[in-house]
Amino acid sequence: MFRKWAMQALAEQGISYRVAYSSPSIAGVLAAVKAGFAVAPVGASIPLSGFRILPDGVLNSLPSAVVSLHQSDNPASTAQTYLAQYITEEFRSMPFVASRPRLVK
């Protein structure tokens, strides 16, 4: 999703690019970025250290992603209920961040 948005934003600004690396996991993408092979749009909820975040205005803003959690009305177990509560609390505890993905290099 972020890759598609980033490619559209680059095309809209007339910035040429090439896909240097692709991975189904954020860990794989961040490994390529850390090695200096790439830049990547990363969700604001991803903890980053050792990366440079490009300042606002360098590139167009990307859309926001929405995360939703669905649970049945009649949970099958208390474990499911506790897991849903834990996930909800973790998201609510995240400090306020910009509503767009960050581009890291």
C-alpha atoms as a PDB file:
ATOM      1  CA  MET A   1       0.000   0.000   0.000  1.00  0.00           C
ATOM      2  CA  PHE A   2       2.707   2.523   0.999  1.00  0.00           C
ATOM      3  CA  ARG A   3       4.817   1.507  -2.010  1.00  0.00           C
ATOM      4  CA  LYS A   4       1.932   2.204  -4.399  1.00  0.00           C
ATOM      5  CA  TRP A   5       1.278   5.574  -2.765  1.00  0.00           C
ATOM      6  CA  ALA A   6       4.964   6.504  -2.893  1.00  0.00           C
ATOM      7  CA  MET A   7       5.270   5.582  -6.570  1.00  0.00           C
ATOM      8  CA  GLN A   8       2.178   7.650  -7.408  1.00  0.00           C
ATOM      9  CA  ALA A   9       3.538  10.633  -5.463  1.00  0.00           C
ATOM     10  CA  LEU A  10       6.918  10.415  -7.215  1.00  0.00           C
ATOM     11  CA  ALA A  11       5.227  10.218 -10.626  1.00  0.00           C
ATOM     12  CA  GLU A  12       3.014  13.215  -9.804  1.00  0.00           C
ATOM     13  CA  GLN A  13       6.125  15.242  -8.931  1.00  0.00           C
ATOM     14  CA  GLY A  14       8.008  14.074 -12.035  1.00  0.00           C
ATOM     15  CA  ILE A  15      10.710  12.396  -9.929  1.00  0.00           C
ATOM     16  CA  SER A  16      12.322   9.425 -11.641  1.00  0.00           C
ATOM     17  CA  TYR A  17      12.912   6.298  -9.600  1.00  0.00           C
ATOM     18  CA  ARG A  18      13.493   2.585  -9.894  1.00  0.00           C
ATOM     19  CA  VAL A  19      12.444  -0.205  -7.582  1.00  0.00           C
ATOM     20  CA  ALA A  20      15.740  -1.428  -6.130  1.00  0.00           C
ATOM     21  CA  TYR A  21      14.349  -3.941  -3.675  1.00  0.00           C
ATOM     22  CA  SER A  22      11.009  -5.467  -2.788  1.00  0.00           C
ATOM     23  CA  SER A  23      10.032  -7.507   0.257  1.00  0.00           C
ATOM     24  CA  PRO A  24       6.768  -8.758   1.724  1.00  0.00           C
ATOM     25  CA  SER A  25       7.957  -7.717   5.193  1.00  0.00           C
ATOM     26  CA  ILE A  26       8.760  -4.347   6.712  1.00  0.00           C
ATOM     27  CA  ALA A  27      11.901  -5.907   8.216  1.00  0.00           C
ATOM     28  CA  GLY A  28      13.172  -6.739   4.730  1.00  0.00           C
ATOM     29  CA  VAL A  29      12.426  -3.251   3.422  1.00  0.00           C
ATOM     30  CA  LEU A  30      14.132  -1.612   6.405  1.00  0.00           C
ATOM     31  CA  ALA A  31      17.195  -3.849   5.934  1.00  0.00           C
ATOM     32  CA  ALA A  32      17.552  -2.521   2.373  1.00  0.00           C
ATOM     33  CA  VAL A  33      17.142   1.053   3.599  1.00  0.00           C
ATOM     34  CA  LYS A  34      19.665   0.549   6.404  1.00  0.00           C
ATOM     35  CA  ALA A  35      22.163  -0.896   3.902  1.00  0.00           C
ATOM     36  CA  GLY A  36      21.803   2.272   1.819  1.00  0.00           C
ATOM     37  CA  PHE A  37      20.104   0.616  -1.150  1.00  0.00           C
ATOM     38  CA  ALA A  38      16.798   2.407  -0.917  1.00  0.00           C
ATOM     39  CA  VAL A  39      14.421   4.898   0.623  1.00  0.00           C
ATOM     40  CA  ALA A  40      11.009   3.701   1.747  1.00  0.00           C
ATOM     41  CA  PRO A  41       7.701   5.045   3.007  1.00  0.00           C
ATOM     42  CA  VAL A  42       7.105   3.669   6.490  1.00  0.00           C
ATOM     43  CA  GLY A  43       4.043   3.881   8.698  1.00  0.00           C
ATOM     44  CA  ALA A  44       4.319   6.331  11.554  1.00  0.00           C
ATOM     45  CA  SER A  45       3.680   3.559  14.081  1.00  0.00           C
ATOM     46  CA  ILE A  46       6.886   1.708  13.112  1.00  0.00           C
ATOM     47  CA  PRO A  47       9.620   2.434  15.679  1.00  0.00           C
ATOM     48  CA  LEU A  48      12.753   3.641  13.907  1.00  0.00           C
ATOM     49  CA  SER A  49      16.244   4.247  15.179  1.00  0.00           C
ATOM     50  CA  GLY A  50      19.296   4.711  13.038  1.00  0.00           C
ATOM     51  CA  PHE A  51      17.292   6.031  10.089  1.00  0.00           C
ATOM     52  CA  ARG A  52      17.019   9.534   8.699  1.00  0.00           C
ATOM     53  CA  ILE A  53      13.452  10.777   8.330  1.00  0.00           C
ATOM     54  CA  LEU A  54      13.025  13.221   5.478  1.00  0.00           C
ATOM     55  CA  PRO A  55      11.563  16.563   6.584  1.00  0.00           C
ATOM     56  CA  ASP A  56       8.049  17.595   5.653  1.00  0.00           C
ATOM     57  CA  GLY A  57       7.807  19.265   2.282  1.00  0.00           C
ATOM     58  CA  VAL A  58      10.625  17.319   0.604  1.00  0.00           C
ATOM     59  CA  LEU A  59       8.062  15.072  -1.065  1.00  0.00           C
ATOM     60  CA  ASN A  60       4.295  15.225  -1.325  1.00  0.00           C
ATOM     61  CA  SER A  61       2.373  13.841   1.635  1.00  0.00           C
ATOM     62  CA  LEU A  62       1.066  10.308   1.320  1.00  0.00           C
ATOM     63  CA  PRO A  63      -2.420   9.174   2.337  1.00  0.00           C
ATOM     64  CA  SER A  64      -3.091   7.827   5.810  1.00  0.00           C
ATOM     65  CA  ALA A  65      -3.601   4.139   6.433  1.00  0.00           C
ATOM     66  CA  VAL A  66      -6.464   2.977   8.589  1.00  0.00           C
ATOM     67  CA  VAL A  67      -6.192  -0.023  10.876  1.00  0.00           C
ATOM     68  CA  SER A  68      -9.337  -1.716  12.127  1.00  0.00           C
ATOM     69  CA  LEU A  69      -9.835  -4.648  14.448  1.00  0.00           C
ATOM     70  CA  HIS A  70     -12.864  -6.890  14.015  1.00  0.00           C
ATOM     71  CA  GLN A  71     -14.080  -9.280  16.688  1.00  0.00           C
ATOM     72  CA  SER A  72     -17.156 -11.476  16.832  1.00  0.00           C
ATOM     73  CA  ASP A  73     -20.018 -10.495  19.117  1.00  0.00           C
ATOM     74  CA  ASN A  74     -19.571 -13.819  20.904  1.00  0.00           C
ATOM     75  CA  PRO A  75     -15.832 -14.398  21.335  1.00  0.00           C
ATOM     76  CA  ALA A  76     -14.873 -18.062  21.312  1.00  0.00           C
ATOM     77  CA  SER A  77     -12.502 -17.654  24.244  1.00  0.00           C
ATOM     78  CA  THR A  78     -11.282 -15.252  26.862  1.00  0.00           C
ATOM     79  CA  ALA A  79      -7.882 -15.388  25.142  1.00  0.00           C
ATOM     80  CA  GLN A  80      -9.466 -13.780  22.074  1.00  0.00           C
ATOM     81  CA  THR A  81     -11.041 -11.088  24.229  1.00  0.00           C
ATOM     82  CA  TYR A  82      -7.766 -10.326  26.024  1.00  0.00           C
ATOM     83  CA  LEU A  83      -5.825 -10.262  22.751  1.00  0.00           C
ATOM     84  CA  ALA A  84      -8.290  -7.768  21.260  1.00  0.00           C
ATOM     85  CA  GLN A  85      -8.048  -5.600  24.393  1.00  0.00           C
ATOM     86  CA  TYR A  86      -4.240  -5.724  24.286  1.00  0.00           C
ATOM     87  CA  ILE A  87      -4.066  -4.735  20.612  1.00  0.00           C
ATOM     88  CA  THR A  88      -6.539  -1.894  21.170  1.00  0.00           C
ATOM     89  CA  GLU A  89      -4.602  -0.576  24.190  1.00  0.00           C
ATOM     90  CA  GLU A  90      -1.292  -0.710  22.314  1.00  0.00           C
ATOM     91  CA  PHE A  91      -2.661   1.370  19.450  1.00  0.00           C
ATOM     92  CA  ARG A  92      -4.268   3.854  21.832  1.00  0.00           C
ATOM     93  CA  SER A  93      -1.010   4.246  23.770  1.00  0.00           C
ATOM     94  CA  MET A  94       0.988   5.311  20.708  1.00  0.00           C
ATOM     95  CA  PRO A  95       2.040   8.943  20.928  1.00  0.00           C
ATOM     96  CA  PHE A  96       0.442  11.285  18.435  1.00  0.00           C
ATOM     97  CA  VAL A  97       2.364  11.188  15.176  1.00  0.00           C
ATOM     98  CA  ALA A  98       1.838  12.783  11.786  1.00  0.00           C
ATOM     99  CA  SER A  99      -1.098  11.317   9.928  1.00  0.00           C
ATOM    100  CA  ARG A 100       1.055  10.273   7.001  1.00  0.00           C
ATOM    101  CA  PRO A 101       3.737   7.666   6.513  1.00  0.00           C
ATOM    102  CA  ARG A 102       7.336   8.761   7.058  1.00  0.00           C
ATOM    103  CA  LEU A 103       9.920   8.436   4.325  1.00  0.00           C
ATOM    104  CA  VAL A 104      13.134   7.070   5.753  1.00  0.00           C
ATOM    105  CA  LYS A 105      16.602   6.900   4.276  1.00  0.00           C
END
